[in-house]
Amino acid sequence: MPYQSIDAGGDRSGCHGFPPLLQSRARKSSRSVRVALAPRQSPPLVPLYPPMLLANLLGQVSTLTVRRFGPPGAFLCVDAADPNPNAPTILLPRNDIPQGLAEDSDIKVFVYLDSEDRPIATTRAPKLTLGRVAFLTVTDVTRFGAFVDWGLPKELLVPRALQTREMHVGERHPVGLLLDDTGRLAGTMRVSEMLAQCGDFELDEWVAGEAWRKDPELGIFVILEQRFVGRVPANEPSPLQRGEAARFRVANILADGKVELSLRGHAHEELDADAERILECLRRPDAPKAGDGSSPEQIRTLFGLSKKAFKRAVGRLLRQRAVSIDSDGHLVPIR
């Protein structure tokens, strides 16, 4: 319990209001009296925010209005419709303020909690937002969880309770962003329940994704646009590794809405690209020995193509006189 030293020698001793015996002893003594004081109630670190408004901001990119500026930075309206000058605001730190920002102007920011659990805004783009899933790198492991880099100064915690396997520094794992039971942003490895099986995709549309997991019989499952699941069938050879990003073509939409993907365009679109890939490999100093006698597995390993696509592209290269075939049946680039 904190103590306050009280001078017992005069009327400004501070002992008024104490019990008479204590006042008497204090005045007779030339020494200071140490009086135990009740703990001072600290003011809350953050103002009270409207719960629903704050819940709609945390973990998301929002457009907010600048209410005023101060030494720490710009104060952004939590509710632009509230005319009260003392209404809650969120701080955009000074080093995040873009040049030319003025009062009453709008700015697009991401809202999260700082190290003291205060809502704070940033103009930096995080690697994922609330409800989204992305592969993130582990930067530190502690007894209560692992921290991952999500593109912001305060790293994201994946609590042990939300981990599905042991996490180690340097590894990349699919992590989803959610609000935990205390209202804080947290990462989770339980991403299957966050990913939708169906999306509003169109045939032949190209979408961004990350290779998620590989099944020998079904193919590669892909996280699309950080919130959907698609699949590259097992019969399409793919050099993609877990966590590798790529663009995928929507090759088929099944009756149940699930999406089948391809890394390749249509045959007539892919021919030039396949031929160029083969030619580029053949021109390297350590060029592989490949030809019609190569096995499908060798072709897939060397060029990432099926044997059928390889033969089609080689036929085009031969017609263009870009390659020839040596006495051993191997392709040789014509310089």
C-alpha atoms as a PDB file:
ATOM      1  CA  MET A   1       0.000   0.000   0.000  1.00  0.00           C
ATOM      2  CA  PRO A   2       1.463   3.456  -0.891  1.00  0.00           C
ATOM      3  CA  TYR A   3       2.493   5.873   1.876  1.00  0.00           C
ATOM      4  CA  GLN A   4       2.561   9.680   2.081  1.00  0.00           C
ATOM      5  CA  SER A   5       5.012  11.546   4.362  1.00  0.00           C
ATOM      6  CA  ILE A   6       3.259  14.183   6.468  1.00  0.00           C
ATOM      7  CA  ASP A   7       5.079  17.081   8.109  1.00  0.00           C
ATOM      8  CA  ALA A   8       3.945  17.116  11.781  1.00  0.00           C
ATOM      9  CA  GLY A   9       5.277  20.557  12.575  1.00  0.00           C
ATOM     10  CA  GLY A  10       2.522  22.928  11.388  1.00  0.00           C
ATOM     11  CA  ASP A  11      -1.089  23.468  10.396  1.00  0.00           C
ATOM     12  CA  ARG A  12      -0.356  22.369   6.822  1.00  0.00           C
ATOM     13  CA  SER A  13       0.609  18.975   8.178  1.00  0.00           C
ATOM     14  CA  GLY A  14      -2.145  17.246   6.259  1.00  0.00           C
ATOM     15  CA  CYS A  15      -3.346  15.506   9.436  1.00  0.00           C
ATOM     16  CA  HIS A  16      -6.746  17.250   9.547  1.00  0.00           C
ATOM     17  CA  GLY A  17      -9.461  14.636   9.367  1.00  0.00           C
ATOM     18  CA  PHE A  18      -7.296  11.953  11.008  1.00  0.00           C
ATOM     19  CA  PRO A  19      -8.339  10.443  14.375  1.00  0.00           C
ATOM     20  CA  PRO A  20      -7.590  12.864  17.321  1.00  0.00           C
ATOM     21  CA  LEU A  21      -4.957  10.576  18.857  1.00  0.00           C
ATOM     22  CA  LEU A  22      -3.056  10.449  15.582  1.00  0.00           C
ATOM     23  CA  GLN A  23      -3.314  14.259  15.215  1.00  0.00           C
ATOM     24  CA  SER A  24      -1.935  14.735  18.758  1.00  0.00           C
ATOM     25  CA  ARG A  25       0.988  12.389  18.259  1.00  0.00           C
ATOM     26  CA  ALA A  26       1.796  13.935  14.919  1.00  0.00           C
ATOM     27  CA  ARG A  27       1.944  17.480  16.316  1.00  0.00           C
ATOM     28  CA  LYS A  28       4.122  16.459  19.303  1.00  0.00           C
ATOM     29  CA  SER A  29       6.623  14.647  17.120  1.00  0.00           C
ATOM     30  CA  SER A  30       9.372  16.356  15.149  1.00  0.00           C
ATOM     31  CA  ARG A  31       9.482  13.389  12.810  1.00  0.00           C
ATOM     32  CA  SER A  32       7.317  12.758   9.790  1.00  0.00           C
ATOM     33  CA  VAL A  33       4.410  10.417  10.199  1.00  0.00           C
ATOM     34  CA  ARG A  34       3.915   7.840   7.444  1.00  0.00           C
ATOM     35  CA  VAL A  35       0.211   7.381   6.866  1.00  0.00           C
ATOM     36  CA  ALA A  36      -1.126   4.557   4.771  1.00  0.00           C
ATOM     37  CA  LEU A  37      -3.316   5.819   1.956  1.00  0.00           C
ATOM     38  CA  ALA A  38      -5.941   3.868   0.089  1.00  0.00           C
ATOM     39  CA  PRO A  39      -4.855   2.856  -3.424  1.00  0.00           C
ATOM     40  CA  ARG A  40      -5.700   5.535  -5.969  1.00  0.00           C
ATOM     41  CA  GLN A  41      -8.148   4.419  -8.595  1.00  0.00           C
ATOM     42  CA  SER A  42      -6.429   4.709 -11.990  1.00  0.00           C
ATOM     43  CA  PRO A  43      -8.534   6.102 -14.797  1.00  0.00           C
ATOM     44  CA  PRO A  44      -9.268   3.671 -17.603  1.00  0.00           C
ATOM     45  CA  LEU A  45      -6.551   3.559 -20.260  1.00  0.00           C
ATOM     46  CA  VAL A  46      -9.071   3.943 -23.037  1.00  0.00           C
ATOM     47  CA  PRO A  47     -12.385   5.768 -23.325  1.00  0.00           C
ATOM     48  CA  LEU A  48     -15.521   3.697 -23.442  1.00  0.00           C
ATOM     49  CA  TYR A  49     -16.244   2.864 -27.057  1.00  0.00           C
ATOM     50  CA  PRO A  50     -19.687   1.871 -28.284  1.00  0.00           C
ATOM     51  CA  PRO A  51     -19.265  -1.932 -28.306  1.00  0.00           C
ATOM     52  CA  MET A  52     -20.987  -2.540 -31.629  1.00  0.00           C
ATOM     53  CA  LEU A  53     -19.133   0.287 -33.359  1.00  0.00           C
ATOM     54  CA  LEU A  54     -15.777  -0.950 -32.099  1.00  0.00           C
ATOM     55  CA  ALA A  55     -16.614  -4.540 -33.038  1.00  0.00           C
ATOM     56  CA  ASN A  56     -17.328  -3.337 -36.566  1.00  0.00           C
ATOM     57  CA  LEU A  57     -13.910  -1.651 -36.756  1.00  0.00           C
ATOM     58  CA  LEU A  58     -11.452  -4.038 -35.092  1.00  0.00           C
ATOM     59  CA  GLY A  59      -9.469  -6.154 -37.507  1.00  0.00           C
ATOM     60  CA  GLN A  60     -10.915  -4.465 -40.566  1.00  0.00           C
ATOM     61  CA  VAL A  61     -10.047  -1.756 -43.054  1.00  0.00           C
ATOM     62  CA  SER A  62     -12.408   1.198 -42.588  1.00  0.00           C
ATOM     63  CA  THR A  63     -12.750   4.740 -43.857  1.00  0.00           C
ATOM     64  CA  LEU A  64     -12.743   7.140 -40.883  1.00  0.00           C
ATOM     65  CA  THR A  65     -12.903  10.928 -40.583  1.00  0.00           C
ATOM     66  CA  VAL A  66     -10.227  13.091 -38.947  1.00  0.00           C
ATOM     67  CA  ARG A  67     -11.760  14.966 -36.001  1.00  0.00           C
ATOM     68  CA  ARG A  68      -8.658  16.790 -34.776  1.00  0.00           C
ATOM     69  CA  PHE A  69      -4.873  16.663 -34.533  1.00  0.00           C
ATOM     70  CA  GLY A  70      -2.710  16.483 -31.407  1.00  0.00           C
ATOM     71  CA  PRO A  71       0.917  15.790 -30.454  1.00  0.00           C
ATOM     72  CA  PRO A  72       0.485  11.978 -30.693  1.00  0.00           C
ATOM     73  CA  GLY A  73      -1.146  12.130 -34.136  1.00  0.00           C
ATOM     74  CA  ALA A  74      -4.593  12.383 -35.720  1.00  0.00           C
ATOM     75  CA  PHE A  75      -7.750  11.485 -33.801  1.00  0.00           C
ATOM     76  CA  LEU A  76     -10.299   9.710 -35.990  1.00  0.00           C
ATOM     77  CA  CYS A  77     -14.056   9.602 -35.337  1.00  0.00           C
ATOM     78  CA  VAL A  78     -15.396   6.268 -34.182  1.00  0.00           C
ATOM     79  CA  ASP A  79     -18.883   7.451 -35.174  1.00  0.00           C
ATOM     80  CA  ALA A  80     -18.820  10.276 -37.716  1.00  0.00           C
ATOM     81  CA  ALA A  81     -22.531  10.907 -37.081  1.00  0.00           C
ATOM     82  CA  ASP A  82     -21.897  11.794 -33.412  1.00  0.00           C
ATOM     83  CA  PRO A  83     -21.553  15.625 -33.136  1.00  0.00           C
ATOM     84  CA  ASN A  84     -20.270  15.467 -29.547  1.00  0.00           C
ATOM     85  CA  PRO A  85     -16.706  16.928 -29.572  1.00  0.00           C
ATOM     86  CA  ASN A  86     -15.797  14.565 -26.719  1.00  0.00           C
ATOM     87  CA  ALA A  87     -17.058  11.475 -28.520  1.00  0.00           C
ATOM     88  CA  PRO A  88     -14.637   8.519 -28.640  1.00  0.00           C
ATOM     89  CA  THR A  89     -11.845   8.685 -31.191  1.00  0.00           C
ATOM     90  CA  ILE A  90      -9.120   6.338 -32.402  1.00  0.00           C
ATOM     91  CA  LEU A  91      -5.530   7.518 -32.667  1.00  0.00           C
ATOM     92  CA  LEU A  92      -3.659   7.420 -35.947  1.00  0.00           C
ATOM     93  CA  PRO A  93      -0.016   7.819 -34.788  1.00  0.00           C
ATOM     94  CA  ARG A  94       1.960  10.713 -36.209  1.00  0.00           C
ATOM     95  CA  ASN A  95       4.362   8.498 -38.166  1.00  0.00           C
ATOM     96  CA  ASP A  96       1.385   6.962 -40.005  1.00  0.00           C
ATOM     97  CA  ILE A  97      -0.160  10.267 -41.095  1.00  0.00           C
ATOM     98  CA  PRO A  98       0.127  10.810 -44.864  1.00  0.00           C
ATOM     99  CA  GLN A  99       1.167  14.201 -46.152  1.00  0.00           C
ATOM    100  CA  GLY A 100      -1.714  16.591 -46.727  1.00  0.00           C
ATOM    101  CA  LEU A 101      -4.171  14.974 -44.305  1.00  0.00           C
ATOM    102  CA  ALA A 102      -6.518  17.625 -42.869  1.00  0.00           C
ATOM    103  CA  GLU A 103      -9.344  17.850 -40.332  1.00  0.00           C
ATOM    104  CA  ASP A 104     -12.708  16.511 -41.559  1.00  0.00           C
ATOM    105  CA  SER A 105     -10.989  14.562 -44.339  1.00  0.00           C
ATOM    106  CA  ASP A 106     -11.502  10.814 -44.745  1.00  0.00           C
ATOM    107  CA  ILE A 107      -8.736   8.244 -44.582  1.00  0.00           C
ATOM    108  CA  LYS A 108      -8.682   4.477 -45.059  1.00  0.00           C
ATOM    109  CA  VAL A 109      -7.104   2.718 -42.057  1.00  0.00           C
ATOM    110  CA  PHE A 110      -6.814  -0.680 -40.399  1.00  0.00           C
ATOM    111  CA  VAL A 111      -7.883  -0.768 -36.728  1.00  0.00           C
ATOM    112  CA  TYR A 112      -6.272  -3.085 -34.183  1.00  0.00           C
ATOM    113  CA  LEU A 113      -5.230  -3.056 -30.500  1.00  0.00           C
ATOM    114  CA  ASP A 114      -1.845  -1.781 -29.345  1.00  0.00           C
ATOM    115  CA  SER A 115       0.303  -3.347 -26.593  1.00  0.00           C
ATOM    116  CA  GLU A 116      -1.959  -1.752 -23.938  1.00  0.00           C
ATOM    117  CA  ASP A 117      -5.149  -3.021 -25.615  1.00  0.00           C
ATOM    118  CA  ARG A 118      -6.106   0.430 -26.885  1.00  0.00           C
ATOM    119  CA  PRO A 119      -7.702   0.674 -30.331  1.00  0.00           C
ATOM    120  CA  ILE A 120      -5.240   2.224 -32.756  1.00  0.00           C
ATOM    121  CA  ALA A 121      -5.333   2.941 -36.483  1.00  0.00           C
ATOM    122  CA  THR A 122      -2.647   2.428 -39.099  1.00  0.00           C
ATOM    123  CA  THR A 123      -2.330   3.117 -42.801  1.00  0.00           C
ATOM    124  CA  ARG A 124      -0.145   0.015 -43.180  1.00  0.00           C
ATOM    125  CA  ALA A 125      -1.739  -2.912 -44.968  1.00  0.00           C
ATOM    126  CA  PRO A 126      -1.889  -6.078 -42.820  1.00  0.00           C
ATOM    127  CA  LYS A 127      -1.405  -9.475 -44.416  1.00  0.00           C
ATOM    128  CA  LEU A 128      -4.939 -10.492 -43.429  1.00  0.00           C
ATOM    129  CA  THR A 129      -8.110  -8.991 -41.985  1.00  0.00           C
ATOM    130  CA  LEU A 130     -10.863 -10.304 -39.714  1.00  0.00           C
ATOM    131  CA  GLY A 131     -12.245 -13.629 -40.909  1.00  0.00           C
ATOM    132  CA  ARG A 132      -9.519 -14.110 -43.526  1.00  0.00           C
ATOM    133  CA  VAL A 133      -6.801 -16.781 -43.731  1.00  0.00           C
ATOM    134  CA  ALA A 134      -3.215 -16.457 -44.971  1.00  0.00           C
ATOM    135  CA  PHE A 135       0.135 -18.186 -44.606  1.00  0.00           C
ATOM    136  CA  LEU A 136       2.178 -16.298 -41.979  1.00  0.00           C
ATOM    137  CA  THR A 137       5.721 -16.759 -40.667  1.00  0.00           C
ATOM    138  CA  VAL A 138       6.364 -17.621 -37.001  1.00  0.00           C
ATOM    139  CA  THR A 139       8.721 -15.074 -35.386  1.00  0.00           C
ATOM    140  CA  ASP A 140       8.695 -16.144 -31.733  1.00  0.00           C
ATOM    141  CA  VAL A 141       7.376 -18.951 -29.531  1.00  0.00           C
ATOM    142  CA  THR A 142       6.474 -18.519 -25.851  1.00  0.00           C
ATOM    143  CA  ARG A 143       4.802 -20.644 -23.191  1.00  0.00           C
ATOM    144  CA  PHE A 144       1.406 -19.091 -23.955  1.00  0.00           C
ATOM    145  CA  GLY A 145       1.550 -19.124 -27.751  1.00  0.00           C
ATOM    146  CA  ALA A 146       3.403 -18.229 -30.927  1.00  0.00           C
ATOM    147  CA  PHE A 147       3.785 -14.842 -32.575  1.00  0.00           C
ATOM    148  CA  VAL A 148       3.491 -14.460 -36.345  1.00  0.00           C
ATOM    149  CA  ASP A 149       4.370 -11.626 -38.698  1.00  0.00           C
ATOM    150  CA  TRP A 150       1.202 -10.120 -40.138  1.00  0.00           C
ATOM    151  CA  GLY A 151       2.726  -6.902 -41.440  1.00  0.00           C
ATOM    152  CA  LEU A 152       2.130  -4.662 -38.388  1.00  0.00           C
ATOM    153  CA  PRO A 153       4.494  -3.472 -35.614  1.00  0.00           C
ATOM    154  CA  LYS A 154       2.661  -5.507 -32.959  1.00  0.00           C
ATOM    155  CA  GLU A 155       2.903  -9.134 -34.038  1.00  0.00           C
ATOM    156  CA  LEU A 156      -0.146 -11.396 -33.953  1.00  0.00           C
ATOM    157  CA  LEU A 157      -0.447 -13.974 -31.175  1.00  0.00           C
ATOM    158  CA  VAL A 158      -1.657 -17.486 -31.946  1.00  0.00           C
ATOM    159  CA  PRO A 159      -2.559 -18.817 -28.453  1.00  0.00           C
ATOM    160  CA  ARG A 160      -1.660 -22.421 -27.709  1.00  0.00           C
ATOM    161  CA  ALA A 161      -5.359 -23.218 -27.338  1.00  0.00           C
ATOM    162  CA  LEU A 162      -5.885 -22.228 -30.986  1.00  0.00           C
ATOM    163  CA  GLN A 163      -2.936 -24.188 -32.382  1.00  0.00           C
ATOM    164  CA  THR A 164      -3.498 -27.514 -34.126  1.00  0.00           C
ATOM    165  CA  ARG A 165       0.184 -28.457 -34.135  1.00  0.00           C
ATOM    166  CA  GLU A 166       3.501 -27.351 -32.645  1.00  0.00           C
ATOM    167  CA  MET A 167       4.748 -24.080 -34.134  1.00  0.00           C
ATOM    168  CA  HIS A 168       8.441 -23.246 -34.576  1.00  0.00           C
ATOM    169  CA  VAL A 169      10.274 -20.039 -35.468  1.00  0.00           C
ATOM    170  CA  GLY A 170      10.717 -19.641 -39.219  1.00  0.00           C
ATOM    171  CA  GLU A 171       7.838 -21.935 -40.196  1.00  0.00           C
ATOM    172  CA  ARG A 172       4.907 -20.729 -42.292  1.00  0.00           C
ATOM    173  CA  HIS A 173       1.399 -21.802 -41.343  1.00  0.00           C
ATOM    174  CA  PRO A 174      -2.115 -20.931 -42.486  1.00  0.00           C
ATOM    175  CA  VAL A 175      -3.499 -18.570 -39.828  1.00  0.00           C
ATOM    176  CA  GLY A 176      -6.959 -17.047 -39.530  1.00  0.00           C
ATOM    177  CA  LEU A 177      -7.771 -13.754 -37.798  1.00  0.00           C
ATOM    178  CA  LEU A 178     -10.599 -13.721 -35.240  1.00  0.00           C
ATOM    179  CA  LEU A 179     -11.853 -11.907 -32.135  1.00  0.00           C
ATOM    180  CA  ASP A 180     -11.342 -14.034 -29.027  1.00  0.00           C
ATOM    181  CA  ASP A 181     -13.641 -14.219 -25.991  1.00  0.00           C
ATOM    182  CA  THR A 182     -12.026 -11.099 -24.491  1.00  0.00           C
ATOM    183  CA  GLY A 183     -12.592  -8.992 -27.606  1.00  0.00           C
ATOM    184  CA  ARG A 184      -8.931  -9.077 -28.648  1.00  0.00           C
ATOM    185  CA  LEU A 185      -7.638  -9.955 -32.097  1.00  0.00           C
ATOM    186  CA  ALA A 186      -5.972 -13.364 -32.187  1.00  0.00           C
ATOM    187  CA  GLY A 187      -4.688 -15.853 -34.709  1.00  0.00           C
ATOM    188  CA  THR A 188      -5.979 -19.391 -35.067  1.00  0.00           C
ATOM    189  CA  MET A 189      -4.752 -22.474 -36.896  1.00  0.00           C
ATOM    190  CA  ARG A 190      -8.294 -23.857 -37.004  1.00  0.00           C
ATOM    191  CA  VAL A 191      -8.871 -22.423 -40.440  1.00  0.00           C
ATOM    192  CA  SER A 192     -11.064 -25.112 -42.009  1.00  0.00           C
ATOM    193  CA  GLU A 193     -14.164 -23.718 -40.294  1.00  0.00           C
ATOM    194  CA  MET A 194     -13.323 -20.216 -41.558  1.00  0.00           C
ATOM    195  CA  LEU A 195     -13.060 -21.153 -45.244  1.00  0.00           C
ATOM    196  CA  ALA A 196     -16.150 -21.356 -47.442  1.00  0.00           C
ATOM    197  CA  GLN A 197     -16.480 -24.233 -49.890  1.00  0.00           C
ATOM    198  CA  CYS A 198     -18.390 -22.140 -52.427  1.00  0.00           C
ATOM    199  CA  GLY A 199     -17.792 -18.669 -53.798  1.00  0.00           C
ATOM    200  CA  ASP A 200     -19.216 -16.352 -56.413  1.00  0.00           C
ATOM    201  CA  PHE A 201     -16.758 -17.378 -59.122  1.00  0.00           C
ATOM    202  CA  GLU A 202     -17.150 -17.547 -62.887  1.00  0.00           C
ATOM    203  CA  LEU A 203     -15.741 -20.118 -65.286  1.00  0.00           C
ATOM    204  CA  ASP A 204     -12.285 -19.209 -66.637  1.00  0.00           C
ATOM    205  CA  GLU A 205     -11.894 -16.448 -64.035  1.00  0.00           C
ATOM    206  CA  TRP A 206      -8.349 -16.121 -62.680  1.00  0.00           C
ATOM    207  CA  VAL A 207      -8.118 -15.838 -58.883  1.00  0.00           C
ATOM    208  CA  ALA A 208      -5.256 -15.490 -56.387  1.00  0.00           C
ATOM    209  CA  GLY A 209      -4.566 -18.292 -53.947  1.00  0.00           C
ATOM    210  CA  GLU A 210      -2.062 -20.208 -51.830  1.00  0.00           C
ATOM    211  CA  ALA A 211      -1.433 -23.955 -51.965  1.00  0.00           C
ATOM    212  CA  TRP A 212      -2.808 -25.323 -48.700  1.00  0.00           C
ATOM    213  CA  ARG A 213      -2.546 -29.103 -48.497  1.00  0.00           C
ATOM    214  CA  LYS A 214      -1.918 -31.943 -50.913  1.00  0.00           C
ATOM    215  CA  ASP A 215      -3.907 -35.166 -51.143  1.00  0.00           C
ATOM    216  CA  PRO A 216      -2.400 -37.860 -53.411  1.00  0.00           C
ATOM    217  CA  GLU A 217      -5.835 -38.963 -54.625  1.00  0.00           C
ATOM    218  CA  LEU A 218      -7.741 -35.659 -54.713  1.00  0.00           C
ATOM    219  CA  GLY A 219      -5.057 -33.121 -55.628  1.00  0.00           C
ATOM    220  CA  ILE A 220      -3.995 -29.788 -54.123  1.00  0.00           C
ATOM    221  CA  PHE A 221      -6.428 -27.843 -51.953  1.00  0.00           C
ATOM    222  CA  VAL A 222      -6.007 -24.099 -52.365  1.00  0.00           C
ATOM    223  CA  ILE A 223      -6.985 -21.132 -50.172  1.00  0.00           C
ATOM    224  CA  LEU A 224      -8.576 -18.666 -52.606  1.00  0.00           C
ATOM    225  CA  GLU A 225      -8.697 -14.938 -51.879  1.00  0.00           C
ATOM    226  CA  GLN A 226      -8.041 -15.763 -48.183  1.00  0.00           C
ATOM    227  CA  ARG A 227     -11.594 -17.022 -47.604  1.00  0.00           C
ATOM    228  CA  PHE A 228     -12.572 -19.844 -49.998  1.00  0.00           C
ATOM    229  CA  VAL A 229     -11.353 -23.348 -50.814  1.00  0.00           C
ATOM    230  CA  GLY A 230     -10.706 -24.703 -54.289  1.00  0.00           C
ATOM    231  CA  ARG A 231      -8.946 -27.787 -55.612  1.00  0.00           C
ATOM    232  CA  VAL A 232      -6.458 -28.530 -58.372  1.00  0.00           C
ATOM    233  CA  PRO A 233      -7.301 -32.130 -59.429  1.00  0.00           C
ATOM    234  CA  ALA A 234      -4.647 -34.799 -58.938  1.00  0.00           C
ATOM    235  CA  ASN A 235      -4.489 -35.468 -62.694  1.00  0.00           C
ATOM    236  CA  GLU A 236      -2.964 -32.026 -63.311  1.00  0.00           C
ATOM    237  CA  PRO A 237       0.766 -31.989 -62.513  1.00  0.00           C
ATOM    238  CA  SER A 238       1.756 -29.081 -60.314  1.00  0.00           C
ATOM    239  CA  PRO A 239       5.114 -27.969 -58.886  1.00  0.00           C
ATOM    240  CA  LEU A 240       3.407 -25.907 -56.160  1.00  0.00           C
ATOM    241  CA  GLN A 241       4.671 -26.286 -52.606  1.00  0.00           C
ATOM    242  CA  ARG A 242       2.661 -25.716 -49.419  1.00  0.00           C
ATOM    243  CA  GLY A 243       2.098 -22.006 -48.841  1.00  0.00           C
ATOM    244  CA  GLU A 244       3.210 -21.033 -52.355  1.00  0.00           C
ATOM    245  CA  ALA A 245       1.129 -18.284 -53.950  1.00  0.00           C
ATOM    246  CA  ALA A 246      -0.116 -18.449 -57.535  1.00  0.00           C
ATOM    247  CA  ARG A 247      -2.966 -17.463 -59.814  1.00  0.00           C
ATOM    248  CA  PHE A 248      -5.516 -20.148 -60.619  1.00  0.00           C
ATOM    249  CA  ARG A 249      -8.080 -20.467 -63.375  1.00  0.00           C
ATOM    250  CA  VAL A 250     -11.583 -21.598 -62.409  1.00  0.00           C
ATOM    251  CA  ALA A 251     -11.751 -24.669 -64.640  1.00  0.00           C
ATOM    252  CA  ASN A 252     -15.018 -26.148 -63.388  1.00  0.00           C
ATOM    253  CA  ILE A 253     -17.832 -25.332 -60.968  1.00  0.00           C
ATOM    254  CA  LEU A 254     -19.462 -28.491 -59.621  1.00  0.00           C
ATOM    255  CA  ALA A 255     -23.170 -28.930 -58.943  1.00  0.00           C
ATOM    256  CA  ASP A 256     -22.620 -28.376 -55.204  1.00  0.00           C
ATOM    257  CA  GLY A 257     -20.811 -25.097 -55.897  1.00  0.00           C
ATOM    258  CA  LYS A 258     -17.310 -26.383 -55.192  1.00  0.00           C
ATOM    259  CA  VAL A 259     -14.577 -25.109 -57.473  1.00  0.00           C
ATOM    260  CA  GLU A 260     -12.027 -27.052 -59.511  1.00  0.00           C
ATOM    261  CA  LEU A 261      -8.946 -25.092 -60.466  1.00  0.00           C
ATOM    262  CA  SER A 262      -6.124 -25.178 -62.965  1.00  0.00           C
ATOM    263  CA  LEU A 263      -2.764 -23.460 -63.119  1.00  0.00           C
ATOM    264  CA  ARG A 264      -3.039 -23.557 -66.894  1.00  0.00           C
ATOM    265  CA  GLY A 265      -5.080 -21.618 -69.387  1.00  0.00           C
ATOM    266  CA  HIS A 266      -6.817 -23.230 -72.352  1.00  0.00           C
ATOM    267  CA  ALA A 267      -4.648 -25.352 -74.660  1.00  0.00           C
ATOM    268  CA  HIS A 268      -4.310 -22.700 -77.369  1.00  0.00           C
ATOM    269  CA  GLU A 269      -3.356 -20.102 -74.732  1.00  0.00           C
ATOM    270  CA  GLU A 270      -0.822 -22.352 -73.032  1.00  0.00           C
ATOM    271  CA  LEU A 271       1.054 -23.581 -76.092  1.00  0.00           C
ATOM    272  CA  ASP A 272       3.358 -20.592 -76.432  1.00  0.00           C
ATOM    273  CA  ALA A 273       4.017 -20.480 -72.676  1.00  0.00           C
ATOM    274  CA  ASP A 274       4.837 -24.215 -72.534  1.00  0.00           C
ATOM    275  CA  ALA A 275       7.157 -23.970 -75.528  1.00  0.00           C
ATOM    276  CA  GLU A 276       8.917 -20.965 -74.021  1.00  0.00           C
ATOM    277  CA  ARG A 277       9.358 -22.799 -70.711  1.00  0.00           C
ATOM    278  CA  ILE A 278      10.935 -25.813 -72.424  1.00  0.00           C
ATOM    279  CA  LEU A 279      13.213 -23.636 -74.541  1.00  0.00           C
ATOM    280  CA  GLU A 280      14.352 -21.659 -71.496  1.00  0.00           C
ATOM    281  CA  CYS A 281      15.289 -24.865 -69.650  1.00  0.00           C
ATOM    282  CA  LEU A 282      17.163 -26.263 -72.659  1.00  0.00           C
ATOM    283  CA  ARG A 283      19.251 -23.103 -72.969  1.00  0.00           C
ATOM    284  CA  ARG A 284      20.597 -23.297 -69.414  1.00  0.00           C
ATOM    285  CA  PRO A 285      24.241 -24.403 -68.921  1.00  0.00           C
ATOM    286  CA  ASP A 286      22.974 -27.401 -66.926  1.00  0.00           C
ATOM    287  CA  ALA A 287      20.260 -28.178 -69.479  1.00  0.00           C
ATOM    288  CA  PRO A 288      18.388 -31.432 -68.815  1.00  0.00           C
ATOM    289  CA  LYS A 289      18.422 -34.324 -71.255  1.00  0.00           C
ATOM    290  CA  ALA A 290      14.842 -34.724 -72.360  1.00  0.00           C
ATOM    291  CA  GLY A 291      12.978 -36.023 -75.340  1.00  0.00           C
ATOM    292  CA  ASP A 292      10.169 -38.256 -76.524  1.00  0.00           C
ATOM    293  CA  GLY A 293      11.675 -41.164 -74.576  1.00  0.00           C
ATOM    294  CA  SER A 294      11.490 -39.335 -71.240  1.00  0.00           C
ATOM    295  CA  SER A 295       8.978 -40.692 -68.750  1.00  0.00           C
ATOM    296  CA  PRO A 296       5.929 -38.650 -67.673  1.00  0.00           C
ATOM    297  CA  GLU A 297       7.481 -38.353 -64.199  1.00  0.00           C
ATOM    298  CA  GLN A 298      10.726 -36.934 -65.629  1.00  0.00           C
ATOM    299  CA  ILE A 299       8.791 -34.459 -67.782  1.00  0.00           C
ATOM    300  CA  ARG A 300       6.735 -33.353 -64.802  1.00  0.00           C
ATOM    301  CA  THR A 301       9.860 -32.891 -62.647  1.00  0.00           C
ATOM    302  CA  LEU A 302      11.852 -31.009 -65.304  1.00  0.00           C
ATOM    303  CA  PHE A 303       9.175 -28.814 -66.828  1.00  0.00           C
ATOM    304  CA  GLY A 304       6.063 -29.043 -64.649  1.00  0.00           C
ATOM    305  CA  LEU A 305       4.101 -30.318 -67.673  1.00  0.00           C
ATOM    306  CA  SER A 306       2.181 -33.443 -68.510  1.00  0.00           C
ATOM    307  CA  LYS A 307       3.681 -35.667 -71.210  1.00  0.00           C
ATOM    308  CA  LYS A 308       0.845 -34.684 -73.548  1.00  0.00           C
ATOM    309  CA  ALA A 309       1.449 -30.944 -73.078  1.00  0.00           C
ATOM    310  CA  PHE A 310       5.203 -31.499 -73.473  1.00  0.00           C
ATOM    311  CA  LYS A 311       4.828 -33.298 -76.819  1.00  0.00           C
ATOM    312  CA  ARG A 312       2.436 -30.651 -78.102  1.00  0.00           C
ATOM    313  CA  ALA A 313       4.865 -27.848 -77.212  1.00  0.00           C
ATOM    314  CA  VAL A 314       7.873 -29.704 -78.651  1.00  0.00           C
ATOM    315  CA  GLY A 315       5.992 -30.150 -81.936  1.00  0.00           C
ATOM    316  CA  ARG A 316       5.526 -26.409 -82.107  1.00  0.00           C
ATOM    317  CA  LEU A 317       9.220 -25.773 -81.358  1.00  0.00           C
ATOM    318  CA  LEU A 318      10.250 -28.209 -84.100  1.00  0.00           C
ATOM    319  CA  ARG A 319       7.990 -26.483 -86.630  1.00  0.00           C
ATOM    320  CA  GLN A 320       9.470 -23.133 -85.631  1.00  0.00           C
ATOM    321  CA  ARG A 321      12.984 -24.619 -85.998  1.00  0.00           C
ATOM    322  CA  ALA A 322      13.737 -23.518 -82.439  1.00  0.00           C
ATOM    323  CA  VAL A 323      14.980 -26.996 -81.438  1.00  0.00           C
ATOM    324  CA  SER A 324      16.362 -30.102 -83.079  1.00  0.00           C
ATOM    325  CA  ILE A 325      16.699 -33.722 -81.955  1.00  0.00           C
ATOM    326  CA  ASP A 326      20.171 -35.253 -81.535  1.00  0.00           C
ATOM    327  CA  SER A 327      21.203 -38.833 -82.229  1.00  0.00           C
ATOM    328  CA  ASP A 328      20.196 -39.891 -78.719  1.00  0.00           C
ATOM    329  CA  GLY A 329      16.679 -38.511 -79.146  1.00  0.00           C
ATOM    330  CA  HIS A 330      17.271 -35.514 -76.864  1.00  0.00           C
ATOM    331  CA  LEU A 331      16.103 -31.999 -77.610  1.00  0.00           C
ATOM    332  CA  VAL A 332      18.784 -29.454 -78.499  1.00  0.00           C
ATOM    333  CA  PRO A 333      18.089 -25.719 -78.812  1.00  0.00           C
ATOM    334  CA  ILE A 334      19.097 -24.094 -82.081  1.00  0.00           C
ATOM    335  CA  ARG A 335      21.118 -21.005 -81.183  1.00  0.00           C
END
